[in-house]
Amino acid sequence: MDWGQLFVREDRFIIKVVEMYYKQGLSQVEIGQQLNVSRTTVSRVLTRARKEGYVEIKINYPEGTVVSKEKRLEKKFHLKEASIAYSQPGEKIEDEVGFYAADYLLRILRNHMTIAMCRGNTLFKMVSCLSNDMRLKFMKLKDINVVTLMAATNLPVDATREERLIYSNFLIDEVGRILNGRTYHLLAPQYVENAEMKQHFMSEKSVKETLNIAMHADAAIMGIGSVDEHSAMVRSGLLDEKQFEDLHIKGGVGELLSHIIDRNGDLIQDDFENRVISLDLDDLMKIPIRVGVACGMNKKDSILSVLKKEYINVLITDDEVADYLLSVE
């Protein structure tokens, strides 16, 4: 029997493995021999230790070396920070980007903060990592507010359970639970029938109060969507075929908070925009920390369009997208 399997969940065992690997410089094979466990168990423990915050890895770049990709991205797009995730064996890149996003959130968290969020697959991954992060055990946070940036998504009746979790208010409530904070929702549909109905909802006291909280948030964490047949807006039924074609004709490339923008980041003025209930992009710019979390080459132009207008000032993405962003003029 591999006794490491029995102890892999114990903090003491994890810390012992981490110290032997990072402090003593022992190989995974040597650690396995000393603790009478397999190398696979040691590798699994080290992976968990990194993901749950038992250990943090910092690379110090010597002076005079080539500036890192992250620094080049920060300089090129006037970012506070860029974070690039690389694929790990057996891991999906979305999981790695989600881990980096959770790490960034924990680094900036302070008492009395208001965090504004939207929804989506990558943010779902972030929340999953956040719930397992060891650092939360040592953080004594108080007076944390978590507020949505968008109204509730109108998912079709045949949407799967996973889709309902990803594109519902679940993520807002879950982050509030993890951080022991208060949550605020926009009690309105994300997309309504006409402009008059939108004005009706936008004039409601509770909607105005929630949008005001979002606009004055300390940080916003957002996914970045594409405008193609695989986009979340199409899958969720927010865009029908005609609307999709119209937005394409008008130059729609990217999506941020359900607002459709062109290659230069300019808002597409369309009937769709007149029916979306979400924080305005001008109000988004008032939030001091604006984090864009997105990956995959299918989103490369969407991410670029958001960066051009500086809607975000922190980018968390993957290495392929980073290479593309650095290559464009």
C-alpha atoms as a PDB file:
ATOM      1  CA  MET A   1       0.000   0.000   0.000  1.00  0.00           C
ATOM      2  CA  ASP A   2       1.147   3.535  -0.798  1.00  0.00           C
ATOM      3  CA  TRP A   3       0.838   5.098   2.679  1.00  0.00           C
ATOM      4  CA  GLY A   4       1.200   8.573   1.167  1.00  0.00           C
ATOM      5  CA  GLN A   5      -2.346   8.201  -0.111  1.00  0.00           C
ATOM      6  CA  LEU A   6      -3.556   8.103   3.492  1.00  0.00           C
ATOM      7  CA  PHE A   7      -1.714  11.259   4.498  1.00  0.00           C
ATOM      8  CA  VAL A   8      -1.872  13.378   1.333  1.00  0.00           C
ATOM      9  CA  ARG A   9      -4.662  15.490   2.839  1.00  0.00           C
ATOM     10  CA  GLU A  10      -2.749  16.241   6.025  1.00  0.00           C
ATOM     11  CA  ASP A  11      -1.157  19.682   6.277  1.00  0.00           C
ATOM     12  CA  ARG A  12       1.858  18.252   8.117  1.00  0.00           C
ATOM     13  CA  PHE A  13       2.594  15.758   5.349  1.00  0.00           C
ATOM     14  CA  ILE A  14       2.228  18.387   2.613  1.00  0.00           C
ATOM     15  CA  ILE A  15       4.527  20.838   4.403  1.00  0.00           C
ATOM     16  CA  LYS A  16       7.113  18.093   4.983  1.00  0.00           C
ATOM     17  CA  VAL A  17       7.188  17.280   1.262  1.00  0.00           C
ATOM     18  CA  VAL A  18       7.366  20.990   0.317  1.00  0.00           C
ATOM     19  CA  GLU A  19      10.311  21.635   2.663  1.00  0.00           C
ATOM     20  CA  MET A  20      12.223  18.594   1.434  1.00  0.00           C
ATOM     21  CA  TYR A  21      11.728  19.597  -2.207  1.00  0.00           C
ATOM     22  CA  TYR A  22      12.172  23.385  -2.067  1.00  0.00           C
ATOM     23  CA  LYS A  23      14.402  23.883   0.984  1.00  0.00           C
ATOM     24  CA  GLN A  24      16.512  20.741   1.060  1.00  0.00           C
ATOM     25  CA  GLY A  25      16.669  20.359  -2.709  1.00  0.00           C
ATOM     26  CA  LEU A  26      15.796  16.653  -2.724  1.00  0.00           C
ATOM     27  CA  SER A  27      14.409  15.103  -5.885  1.00  0.00           C
ATOM     28  CA  GLN A  28      10.917  13.624  -5.979  1.00  0.00           C
ATOM     29  CA  VAL A  29      12.413  10.132  -6.078  1.00  0.00           C
ATOM     30  CA  GLU A  30      14.568  10.850  -2.998  1.00  0.00           C
ATOM     31  CA  ILE A  31      11.587  12.265  -1.106  1.00  0.00           C
ATOM     32  CA  GLY A  32       9.546   9.181  -1.991  1.00  0.00           C
ATOM     33  CA  GLN A  33      12.287   6.885  -0.725  1.00  0.00           C
ATOM     34  CA  GLN A  34      12.632   8.749   2.577  1.00  0.00           C
ATOM     35  CA  LEU A  35       8.882   8.939   3.229  1.00  0.00           C
ATOM     36  CA  ASN A  36       8.143   5.475   1.806  1.00  0.00           C
ATOM     37  CA  VAL A  37       5.737   6.774  -0.821  1.00  0.00           C
ATOM     38  CA  SER A  38       5.737   6.720  -4.618  1.00  0.00           C
ATOM     39  CA  ARG A  39       7.179   9.488  -6.785  1.00  0.00           C
ATOM     40  CA  THR A  40       3.662   9.968  -8.202  1.00  0.00           C
ATOM     41  CA  THR A  41       2.354  10.761  -4.720  1.00  0.00           C
ATOM     42  CA  VAL A  42       5.160  13.282  -4.170  1.00  0.00           C
ATOM     43  CA  SER A  43       4.397  14.959  -7.511  1.00  0.00           C
ATOM     44  CA  ARG A  44       0.700  15.134  -6.676  1.00  0.00           C
ATOM     45  CA  VAL A  45       1.422  16.682  -3.271  1.00  0.00           C
ATOM     46  CA  LEU A  46       3.715  19.331  -4.807  1.00  0.00           C
ATOM     47  CA  THR A  47       1.053  20.216  -7.388  1.00  0.00           C
ATOM     48  CA  ARG A  48      -1.567  20.569  -4.670  1.00  0.00           C
ATOM     49  CA  ALA A  49       0.811  22.641  -2.518  1.00  0.00           C
ATOM     50  CA  ARG A  50       1.323  25.114  -5.355  1.00  0.00           C
ATOM     51  CA  LYS A  51      -2.375  25.376  -6.208  1.00  0.00           C
ATOM     52  CA  GLU A  52      -3.548  25.735  -2.606  1.00  0.00           C
ATOM     53  CA  GLY A  53      -1.006  28.343  -1.581  1.00  0.00           C
ATOM     54  CA  TYR A  54       1.328  26.293   0.622  1.00  0.00           C
ATOM     55  CA  VAL A  55       4.162  27.524  -1.573  1.00  0.00           C
ATOM     56  CA  GLU A  56       4.608  30.522  -3.859  1.00  0.00           C
ATOM     57  CA  ILE A  57       7.169  30.621  -6.649  1.00  0.00           C
ATOM     58  CA  LYS A  58       8.867  33.885  -7.536  1.00  0.00           C
ATOM     59  CA  ILE A  59      11.396  34.253 -10.334  1.00  0.00           C
ATOM     60  CA  ASN A  60      13.979  37.025  -9.979  1.00  0.00           C
ATOM     61  CA  TYR A  61      15.173  38.162 -13.384  1.00  0.00           C
ATOM     62  CA  PRO A  62      18.834  39.309 -13.257  1.00  0.00           C
ATOM     63  CA  GLU A  63      19.548  42.818 -14.486  1.00  0.00           C
ATOM     64  CA  GLY A  64      20.517  43.029 -18.120  1.00  0.00           C
ATOM     65  CA  THR A  65      18.510  40.011 -19.273  1.00  0.00           C
ATOM     66  CA  VAL A  66      15.737  40.151 -21.871  1.00  0.00           C
ATOM     67  CA  VAL A  67      12.630  41.697 -20.359  1.00  0.00           C
ATOM     68  CA  SER A  68       9.978  39.084 -19.627  1.00  0.00           C
ATOM     69  CA  LYS A  69       6.857  38.771 -21.746  1.00  0.00           C
ATOM     70  CA  GLU A  70       4.782  40.020 -18.849  1.00  0.00           C
ATOM     71  CA  LYS A  71       6.841  43.191 -18.522  1.00  0.00           C
ATOM     72  CA  ARG A  72       6.643  43.776 -22.255  1.00  0.00           C
ATOM     73  CA  LEU A  73       2.866  43.392 -22.184  1.00  0.00           C
ATOM     74  CA  GLU A  74       2.636  45.797 -19.262  1.00  0.00           C
ATOM     75  CA  LYS A  75       4.665  48.400 -21.101  1.00  0.00           C
ATOM     76  CA  LYS A  76       2.927  47.973 -24.448  1.00  0.00           C
ATOM     77  CA  PHE A  77      -0.638  48.147 -23.126  1.00  0.00           C
ATOM     78  CA  HIS A  78      -0.086  50.358 -20.051  1.00  0.00           C
ATOM     79  CA  LEU A  79      -1.035  47.584 -17.643  1.00  0.00           C
ATOM     80  CA  LYS A  80      -0.598  47.513 -13.886  1.00  0.00           C
ATOM     81  CA  GLU A  81       0.197  43.827 -14.213  1.00  0.00           C
ATOM     82  CA  ALA A  82       0.211  41.031 -16.778  1.00  0.00           C
ATOM     83  CA  SER A  83       0.191  37.393 -15.769  1.00  0.00           C
ATOM     84  CA  ILE A  84       0.852  34.622 -18.301  1.00  0.00           C
ATOM     85  CA  ALA A  85      -0.174  31.029 -17.661  1.00  0.00           C
ATOM     86  CA  TYR A  86       1.580  28.114 -19.324  1.00  0.00           C
ATOM     87  CA  SER A  87       0.050  24.720 -19.983  1.00  0.00           C
ATOM     88  CA  GLN A  88       0.928  22.074 -17.408  1.00  0.00           C
ATOM     89  CA  PRO A  89       0.953  18.335 -18.156  1.00  0.00           C
ATOM     90  CA  GLY A  90      -2.529  16.949 -17.650  1.00  0.00           C
ATOM     91  CA  GLU A  91      -4.040  20.393 -17.050  1.00  0.00           C
ATOM     92  CA  LYS A  92      -6.324  22.483 -19.236  1.00  0.00           C
ATOM     93  CA  ILE A  93      -5.100  26.005 -19.886  1.00  0.00           C
ATOM     94  CA  GLU A  94      -8.413  27.360 -18.527  1.00  0.00           C
ATOM     95  CA  ASP A  95      -7.600  25.741 -15.182  1.00  0.00           C
ATOM     96  CA  GLU A  96      -4.169  27.382 -15.065  1.00  0.00           C
ATOM     97  CA  VAL A  97      -5.566  30.806 -15.994  1.00  0.00           C
ATOM     98  CA  GLY A  98      -8.248  30.355 -13.335  1.00  0.00           C
ATOM     99  CA  PHE A  99      -5.550  29.553 -10.775  1.00  0.00           C
ATOM    100  CA  TYR A 100      -3.592  32.688 -11.709  1.00  0.00           C
ATOM    101  CA  ALA A 101      -6.758  34.775 -11.392  1.00  0.00           C
ATOM    102  CA  ALA A 102      -7.481  33.365  -7.933  1.00  0.00           C
ATOM    103  CA  ASP A 103      -3.878  34.065  -6.933  1.00  0.00           C
ATOM    104  CA  TYR A 104      -4.144  37.673  -8.099  1.00  0.00           C
ATOM    105  CA  LEU A 105      -7.396  38.236  -6.215  1.00  0.00           C
ATOM    106  CA  LEU A 106      -5.898  36.916  -2.985  1.00  0.00           C
ATOM    107  CA  ARG A 107      -2.849  39.145  -3.408  1.00  0.00           C
ATOM    108  CA  ILE A 108      -4.903  42.332  -3.671  1.00  0.00           C
ATOM    109  CA  LEU A 109      -7.570  41.499  -1.084  1.00  0.00           C
ATOM    110  CA  ARG A 110      -7.753  43.865   1.865  1.00  0.00           C
ATOM    111  CA  ASN A 111     -10.312  44.575   4.543  1.00  0.00           C
ATOM    112  CA  HIS A 112     -13.257  46.798   3.532  1.00  0.00           C
ATOM    113  CA  MET A 113     -12.828  46.006  -0.193  1.00  0.00           C
ATOM    114  CA  THR A 114     -15.576  45.806  -2.774  1.00  0.00           C
ATOM    115  CA  ILE A 115     -14.970  43.284  -5.556  1.00  0.00           C
ATOM    116  CA  ALA A 116     -17.093  43.537  -8.704  1.00  0.00           C
ATOM    117  CA  MET A 117     -17.448  40.430 -10.878  1.00  0.00           C
ATOM    118  CA  CYS A 118     -19.152  39.083 -13.939  1.00  0.00           C
ATOM    119  CA  ARG A 119     -19.605  35.426 -14.887  1.00  0.00           C
ATOM    120  CA  GLY A 120     -18.209  32.884 -17.318  1.00  0.00           C
ATOM    121  CA  ASN A 121     -16.265  29.656 -17.677  1.00  0.00           C
ATOM    122  CA  THR A 122     -12.809  31.018 -16.790  1.00  0.00           C
ATOM    123  CA  LEU A 123     -14.144  32.854 -13.740  1.00  0.00           C
ATOM    124  CA  PHE A 124     -15.856  29.623 -12.727  1.00  0.00           C
ATOM    125  CA  LYS A 125     -12.389  28.028 -12.756  1.00  0.00           C
ATOM    126  CA  MET A 126     -11.074  30.951 -10.681  1.00  0.00           C
ATOM    127  CA  VAL A 127     -13.733  30.467  -8.032  1.00  0.00           C
ATOM    128  CA  SER A 128     -13.008  26.728  -7.891  1.00  0.00           C
ATOM    129  CA  CYS A 129      -9.325  27.458  -7.212  1.00  0.00           C
ATOM    130  CA  LEU A 130     -10.206  30.161  -4.710  1.00  0.00           C
ATOM    131  CA  SER A 131     -12.307  27.795  -2.621  1.00  0.00           C
ATOM    132  CA  ASN A 132      -9.329  25.419  -2.204  1.00  0.00           C
ATOM    133  CA  ASP A 133      -6.582  27.981  -1.552  1.00  0.00           C
ATOM    134  CA  MET A 134      -4.718  27.387   1.705  1.00  0.00           C
ATOM    135  CA  ARG A 135      -3.963  31.087   2.184  1.00  0.00           C
ATOM    136  CA  LEU A 136      -7.570  31.798   3.108  1.00  0.00           C
ATOM    137  CA  LYS A 137      -6.996  29.927   6.368  1.00  0.00           C
ATOM    138  CA  PHE A 138      -4.560  32.619   7.441  1.00  0.00           C
ATOM    139  CA  MET A 139      -6.409  35.681   6.159  1.00  0.00           C
ATOM    140  CA  LYS A 140      -8.642  37.441   8.673  1.00  0.00           C
ATOM    141  CA  LEU A 141     -10.745  39.403   6.233  1.00  0.00           C
ATOM    142  CA  LYS A 142     -13.623  41.590   7.261  1.00  0.00           C
ATOM    143  CA  ASP A 143     -16.159  43.830   5.563  1.00  0.00           C
ATOM    144  CA  ILE A 144     -15.764  42.368   2.045  1.00  0.00           C
ATOM    145  CA  ASN A 145     -18.425  43.171  -0.537  1.00  0.00           C
ATOM    146  CA  VAL A 146     -18.944  41.206  -3.761  1.00  0.00           C
ATOM    147  CA  VAL A 147     -21.147  42.823  -6.394  1.00  0.00           C
ATOM    148  CA  THR A 148     -22.234  41.758  -9.856  1.00  0.00           C
ATOM    149  CA  LEU A 149     -21.443  43.845 -12.932  1.00  0.00           C
ATOM    150  CA  MET A 150     -24.287  42.406 -14.994  1.00  0.00           C
ATOM    151  CA  ALA A 151     -27.920  41.461 -14.618  1.00  0.00           C
ATOM    152  CA  ALA A 152     -29.041  37.841 -14.562  1.00  0.00           C
ATOM    153  CA  THR A 153     -28.412  35.767 -17.691  1.00  0.00           C
ATOM    154  CA  ASN A 154     -31.525  34.523 -19.479  1.00  0.00           C
ATOM    155  CA  LEU A 155     -30.455  30.937 -20.125  1.00  0.00           C
ATOM    156  CA  PRO A 156     -32.619  28.704 -22.332  1.00  0.00           C
ATOM    157  CA  VAL A 157     -34.675  26.026 -20.595  1.00  0.00           C
ATOM    158  CA  ASP A 158     -32.469  23.236 -21.993  1.00  0.00           C
ATOM    159  CA  ALA A 159     -29.246  24.674 -20.515  1.00  0.00           C
ATOM    160  CA  THR A 160     -27.176  22.149 -18.575  1.00  0.00           C
ATOM    161  CA  ARG A 161     -26.613  22.337 -14.835  1.00  0.00           C
ATOM    162  CA  GLU A 162     -22.971  23.337 -15.400  1.00  0.00           C
ATOM    163  CA  GLU A 163     -24.017  26.170 -17.716  1.00  0.00           C
ATOM    164  CA  ARG A 164     -26.483  27.396 -15.103  1.00  0.00           C
ATOM    165  CA  LEU A 165     -23.729  27.459 -12.485  1.00  0.00           C
ATOM    166  CA  ILE A 166     -21.274  29.233 -14.798  1.00  0.00           C
ATOM    167  CA  TYR A 167     -23.644  31.888 -16.111  1.00  0.00           C
ATOM    168  CA  SER A 168     -25.825  32.485 -13.049  1.00  0.00           C
ATOM    169  CA  ASN A 169     -25.408  34.468  -9.841  1.00  0.00           C
ATOM    170  CA  PHE A 170     -23.876  31.365  -8.269  1.00  0.00           C
ATOM    171  CA  LEU A 171     -20.340  32.683  -8.776  1.00  0.00           C
ATOM    172  CA  ILE A 172     -21.113  35.954  -6.980  1.00  0.00           C
ATOM    173  CA  ASP A 173     -22.697  34.141  -4.042  1.00  0.00           C
ATOM    174  CA  GLU A 174     -19.874  31.601  -3.891  1.00  0.00           C
ATOM    175  CA  VAL A 175     -17.136  34.251  -3.726  1.00  0.00           C
ATOM    176  CA  GLY A 176     -19.136  36.037  -1.050  1.00  0.00           C
ATOM    177  CA  ARG A 177     -19.348  32.793   0.918  1.00  0.00           C
ATOM    178  CA  ILE A 178     -15.628  32.012   0.525  1.00  0.00           C
ATOM    179  CA  LEU A 179     -14.606  35.517   1.654  1.00  0.00           C
ATOM    180  CA  ASN A 180     -17.329  35.717   4.313  1.00  0.00           C
ATOM    181  CA  GLY A 181     -18.621  38.875   2.670  1.00  0.00           C
ATOM    182  CA  ARG A 182     -21.852  40.480   1.543  1.00  0.00           C
ATOM    183  CA  THR A 183     -23.197  40.000  -1.991  1.00  0.00           C
ATOM    184  CA  TYR A 184     -25.187  42.358  -4.210  1.00  0.00           C
ATOM    185  CA  HIS A 185     -27.145  41.368  -7.327  1.00  0.00           C
ATOM    186  CA  LEU A 186     -28.849  43.153 -10.186  1.00  0.00           C
ATOM    187  CA  LEU A 187     -32.436  41.925  -9.893  1.00  0.00           C
ATOM    188  CA  ALA A 188     -33.263  42.232 -13.574  1.00  0.00           C
ATOM    189  CA  PRO A 189     -32.857  40.210 -16.803  1.00  0.00           C
ATOM    190  CA  GLN A 190     -29.563  40.666 -18.599  1.00  0.00           C
ATOM    191  CA  TYR A 191     -31.335  41.227 -21.897  1.00  0.00           C
ATOM    192  CA  VAL A 192     -34.837  42.682 -22.197  1.00  0.00           C
ATOM    193  CA  GLU A 193     -37.370  43.074 -25.008  1.00  0.00           C
ATOM    194  CA  ASN A 194     -36.859  46.716 -25.886  1.00  0.00           C
ATOM    195  CA  ALA A 195     -35.179  49.988 -24.928  1.00  0.00           C
ATOM    196  CA  GLU A 196     -38.205  51.194 -22.988  1.00  0.00           C
ATOM    197  CA  MET A 197     -38.134  48.130 -20.762  1.00  0.00           C
ATOM    198  CA  LYS A 198     -34.417  48.642 -20.174  1.00  0.00           C
ATOM    199  CA  GLN A 199     -35.060  52.206 -19.025  1.00  0.00           C
ATOM    200  CA  HIS A 200     -37.762  50.931 -16.706  1.00  0.00           C
ATOM    201  CA  PHE A 201     -35.358  48.500 -15.011  1.00  0.00           C
ATOM    202  CA  MET A 202     -32.499  51.013 -14.956  1.00  0.00           C
ATOM    203  CA  SER A 203     -34.726  53.479 -13.105  1.00  0.00           C
ATOM    204  CA  GLU A 204     -35.537  50.971 -10.365  1.00  0.00           C
ATOM    205  CA  LYS A 205     -34.036  51.955  -7.011  1.00  0.00           C
ATOM    206  CA  SER A 206     -32.429  48.560  -6.291  1.00  0.00           C
ATOM    207  CA  VAL A 207     -30.833  48.396  -9.756  1.00  0.00           C
ATOM    208  CA  LYS A 208     -29.433  51.927  -9.475  1.00  0.00           C
ATOM    209  CA  GLU A 209     -28.052  51.173  -5.994  1.00  0.00           C
ATOM    210  CA  THR A 210     -26.337  47.987  -7.126  1.00  0.00           C
ATOM    211  CA  LEU A 211     -24.806  49.641 -10.199  1.00  0.00           C
ATOM    212  CA  ASN A 212     -23.574  52.462  -7.970  1.00  0.00           C
ATOM    213  CA  ILE A 213     -21.864  49.935  -5.681  1.00  0.00           C
ATOM    214  CA  ALA A 214     -20.273  48.288  -8.737  1.00  0.00           C
ATOM    215  CA  MET A 215     -19.089  51.600 -10.179  1.00  0.00           C
ATOM    216  CA  HIS A 216     -17.343  52.433  -6.869  1.00  0.00           C
ATOM    217  CA  ALA A 217     -15.749  48.996  -6.451  1.00  0.00           C
ATOM    218  CA  ASP A 218     -12.066  48.714  -5.618  1.00  0.00           C
ATOM    219  CA  ALA A 219     -11.495  46.041  -8.252  1.00  0.00           C
ATOM    220  CA  ALA A 220     -13.422  44.407 -11.104  1.00  0.00           C
ATOM    221  CA  ILE A 221     -12.710  40.885 -12.362  1.00  0.00           C
ATOM    222  CA  MET A 222     -14.128  40.095 -15.786  1.00  0.00           C
ATOM    223  CA  GLY A 223     -14.079  37.545 -18.542  1.00  0.00           C
ATOM    224  CA  ILE A 224     -13.651  38.678 -22.141  1.00  0.00           C
ATOM    225  CA  GLY A 225     -15.924  37.159 -24.746  1.00  0.00           C
ATOM    226  CA  SER A 226     -15.716  36.674 -28.487  1.00  0.00           C
ATOM    227  CA  VAL A 227     -18.409  37.378 -31.041  1.00  0.00           C
ATOM    228  CA  ASP A 228     -18.549  34.138 -33.012  1.00  0.00           C
ATOM    229  CA  GLU A 229     -20.652  31.020 -33.227  1.00  0.00           C
ATOM    230  CA  HIS A 230     -18.815  29.509 -30.235  1.00  0.00           C
ATOM    231  CA  SER A 231     -19.225  32.512 -27.942  1.00  0.00           C
ATOM    232  CA  ALA A 232     -21.077  32.293 -24.649  1.00  0.00           C
ATOM    233  CA  MET A 233     -23.566  34.888 -25.853  1.00  0.00           C
ATOM    234  CA  VAL A 234     -24.590  32.648 -28.736  1.00  0.00           C
ATOM    235  CA  ARG A 235     -24.642  29.466 -26.628  1.00  0.00           C
ATOM    236  CA  SER A 236     -26.721  31.129 -23.922  1.00  0.00           C
ATOM    237  CA  GLY A 237     -29.278  32.322 -26.463  1.00  0.00           C
ATOM    238  CA  LEU A 238     -28.610  36.030 -25.871  1.00  0.00           C
ATOM    239  CA  LEU A 239     -27.794  36.436 -29.568  1.00  0.00           C
ATOM    240  CA  ASP A 240     -29.933  34.894 -32.279  1.00  0.00           C
ATOM    241  CA  GLU A 241     -28.642  34.297 -35.814  1.00  0.00           C
ATOM    242  CA  LYS A 242     -29.818  37.637 -37.181  1.00  0.00           C
ATOM    243  CA  GLN A 243     -28.394  39.671 -34.292  1.00  0.00           C
ATOM    244  CA  PHE A 244     -25.137  37.766 -34.601  1.00  0.00           C
ATOM    245  CA  GLU A 245     -24.881  38.614 -38.314  1.00  0.00           C
ATOM    246  CA  ASP A 246     -25.830  42.261 -37.732  1.00  0.00           C
ATOM    247  CA  LEU A 247     -23.144  42.699 -35.087  1.00  0.00           C
ATOM    248  CA  HIS A 248     -20.568  41.097 -37.370  1.00  0.00           C
ATOM    249  CA  ILE A 249     -21.495  43.427 -40.214  1.00  0.00           C
ATOM    250  CA  LYS A 250     -21.077  46.387 -37.869  1.00  0.00           C
ATOM    251  CA  GLY A 251     -17.600  45.184 -36.887  1.00  0.00           C
ATOM    252  CA  GLY A 252     -18.310  43.431 -33.580  1.00  0.00           C
ATOM    253  CA  VAL A 253     -15.224  41.530 -32.374  1.00  0.00           C
ATOM    254  CA  GLY A 254     -15.225  41.405 -28.593  1.00  0.00           C
ATOM    255  CA  GLU A 255     -17.623  41.350 -25.660  1.00  0.00           C
ATOM    256  CA  LEU A 256     -17.139  42.878 -22.227  1.00  0.00           C
ATOM    257  CA  LEU A 257     -19.950  42.881 -19.668  1.00  0.00           C
ATOM    258  CA  SER A 258     -22.279  41.989 -22.591  1.00  0.00           C
ATOM    259  CA  HIS A 259     -21.293  45.192 -24.435  1.00  0.00           C
ATOM    260  CA  ILE A 260     -20.120  44.486 -27.995  1.00  0.00           C
ATOM    261  CA  ILE A 261     -17.024  46.354 -29.203  1.00  0.00           C
ATOM    262  CA  ASP A 262     -15.127  46.597 -32.493  1.00  0.00           C
ATOM    263  CA  ARG A 263     -11.421  46.020 -33.203  1.00  0.00           C
ATOM    264  CA  ASN A 264     -10.512  49.415 -31.752  1.00  0.00           C
ATOM    265  CA  GLY A 265     -12.533  48.867 -28.597  1.00  0.00           C
ATOM    266  CA  ASP A 266     -15.309  51.249 -29.607  1.00  0.00           C
ATOM    267  CA  LEU A 267     -18.828  50.346 -28.551  1.00  0.00           C
ATOM    268  CA  ILE A 268     -21.112  48.997 -31.288  1.00  0.00           C
ATOM    269  CA  GLN A 269     -24.258  51.104 -31.210  1.00  0.00           C
ATOM    270  CA  ASP A 270     -26.943  48.582 -31.980  1.00  0.00           C
ATOM    271  CA  ASP A 271     -30.421  47.542 -30.905  1.00  0.00           C
ATOM    272  CA  PHE A 272     -28.722  44.856 -28.811  1.00  0.00           C
ATOM    273  CA  GLU A 273     -26.859  47.503 -26.787  1.00  0.00           C
ATOM    274  CA  ASN A 274     -30.141  49.305 -26.135  1.00  0.00           C
ATOM    275  CA  ARG A 275     -31.519  46.198 -24.434  1.00  0.00           C
ATOM    276  CA  VAL A 276     -28.588  45.016 -22.285  1.00  0.00           C
ATOM    277  CA  ILE A 277     -28.646  45.690 -18.540  1.00  0.00           C
ATOM    278  CA  SER A 278     -25.075  45.954 -17.340  1.00  0.00           C
ATOM    279  CA  LEU A 279     -22.594  48.469 -15.966  1.00  0.00           C
ATOM    280  CA  ASP A 280     -21.704  50.985 -18.690  1.00  0.00           C
ATOM    281  CA  LEU A 281     -18.147  50.836 -20.006  1.00  0.00           C
ATOM    282  CA  ASP A 282     -17.607  54.501 -19.087  1.00  0.00           C
ATOM    283  CA  ASP A 283     -18.539  53.666 -15.494  1.00  0.00           C
ATOM    284  CA  LEU A 284     -16.324  50.568 -15.595  1.00  0.00           C
ATOM    285  CA  MET A 285     -13.356  52.858 -16.281  1.00  0.00           C
ATOM    286  CA  LYS A 286     -13.909  54.518 -12.889  1.00  0.00           C
ATOM    287  CA  ILE A 287     -12.892  51.307 -11.086  1.00  0.00           C
ATOM    288  CA  PRO A 288      -9.161  51.546 -10.251  1.00  0.00           C
ATOM    289  CA  ILE A 289      -8.269  47.860 -10.757  1.00  0.00           C
ATOM    290  CA  ARG A 290      -9.871  46.225 -13.812  1.00  0.00           C
ATOM    291  CA  VAL A 291      -8.820  42.624 -14.364  1.00  0.00           C
ATOM    292  CA  GLY A 292      -9.439  40.831 -17.661  1.00  0.00           C
ATOM    293  CA  VAL A 293      -9.273  37.027 -17.443  1.00  0.00           C
ATOM    294  CA  ALA A 294      -9.359  35.228 -20.803  1.00  0.00           C
ATOM    295  CA  CYS A 295      -7.414  32.652 -22.784  1.00  0.00           C
ATOM    296  CA  GLY A 296      -7.426  30.766 -26.072  1.00  0.00           C
ATOM    297  CA  MET A 297      -6.479  31.927 -29.551  1.00  0.00           C
ATOM    298  CA  ASN A 298     -10.163  32.133 -30.503  1.00  0.00           C
ATOM    299  CA  LYS A 299     -10.306  35.156 -28.186  1.00  0.00           C
ATOM    300  CA  LYS A 300      -7.062  36.833 -29.228  1.00  0.00           C
ATOM    301  CA  ASP A 301      -8.706  39.676 -31.197  1.00  0.00           C
ATOM    302  CA  SER A 302     -11.352  40.169 -28.515  1.00  0.00           C
ATOM    303  CA  ILE A 303      -8.646  40.573 -25.880  1.00  0.00           C
ATOM    304  CA  LEU A 304      -6.708  42.944 -28.134  1.00  0.00           C
ATOM    305  CA  SER A 305      -9.778  45.130 -28.703  1.00  0.00           C
ATOM    306  CA  VAL A 306     -10.323  45.441 -24.938  1.00  0.00           C
ATOM    307  CA  LEU A 307      -6.670  46.330 -24.392  1.00  0.00           C
ATOM    308  CA  LYS A 308      -6.654  49.008 -27.092  1.00  0.00           C
ATOM    309  CA  LYS A 309      -9.290  51.014 -25.236  1.00  0.00           C
ATOM    310  CA  GLU A 310      -7.698  50.250 -21.835  1.00  0.00           C
ATOM    311  CA  TYR A 311     -10.936  48.874 -20.421  1.00  0.00           C
ATOM    312  CA  ILE A 312      -8.691  46.609 -18.358  1.00  0.00           C
ATOM    313  CA  ASN A 313      -5.403  47.406 -16.647  1.00  0.00           C
ATOM    314  CA  VAL A 314      -4.567  43.879 -15.477  1.00  0.00           C
ATOM    315  CA  LEU A 315      -4.452  40.955 -17.917  1.00  0.00           C
ATOM    316  CA  ILE A 316      -4.375  37.261 -17.056  1.00  0.00           C
ATOM    317  CA  THR A 317      -4.043  35.063 -20.137  1.00  0.00           C
ATOM    318  CA  ASP A 318      -2.061  32.202 -21.710  1.00  0.00           C
ATOM    319  CA  ASP A 319       1.308  32.192 -23.437  1.00  0.00           C
ATOM    320  CA  GLU A 320      -0.021  31.802 -26.994  1.00  0.00           C
ATOM    321  CA  VAL A 321      -2.287  34.822 -26.668  1.00  0.00           C
ATOM    322  CA  ALA A 322       0.558  36.761 -25.043  1.00  0.00           C
ATOM    323  CA  ASP A 323       2.832  36.016 -28.007  1.00  0.00           C
ATOM    324  CA  TYR A 324       0.128  37.204 -30.389  1.00  0.00           C
ATOM    325  CA  LEU A 325      -0.486  40.435 -28.453  1.00  0.00           C
ATOM    326  CA  LEU A 326       3.230  41.191 -28.479  1.00  0.00           C
ATOM    327  CA  SER A 327       3.492  40.537 -32.221  1.00  0.00           C
ATOM    328  CA  VAL A 328       0.778  42.927 -33.405  1.00  0.00           C
ATOM    329  CA  GLU A 329       1.567  46.524 -34.209  1.00  0.00           C
END
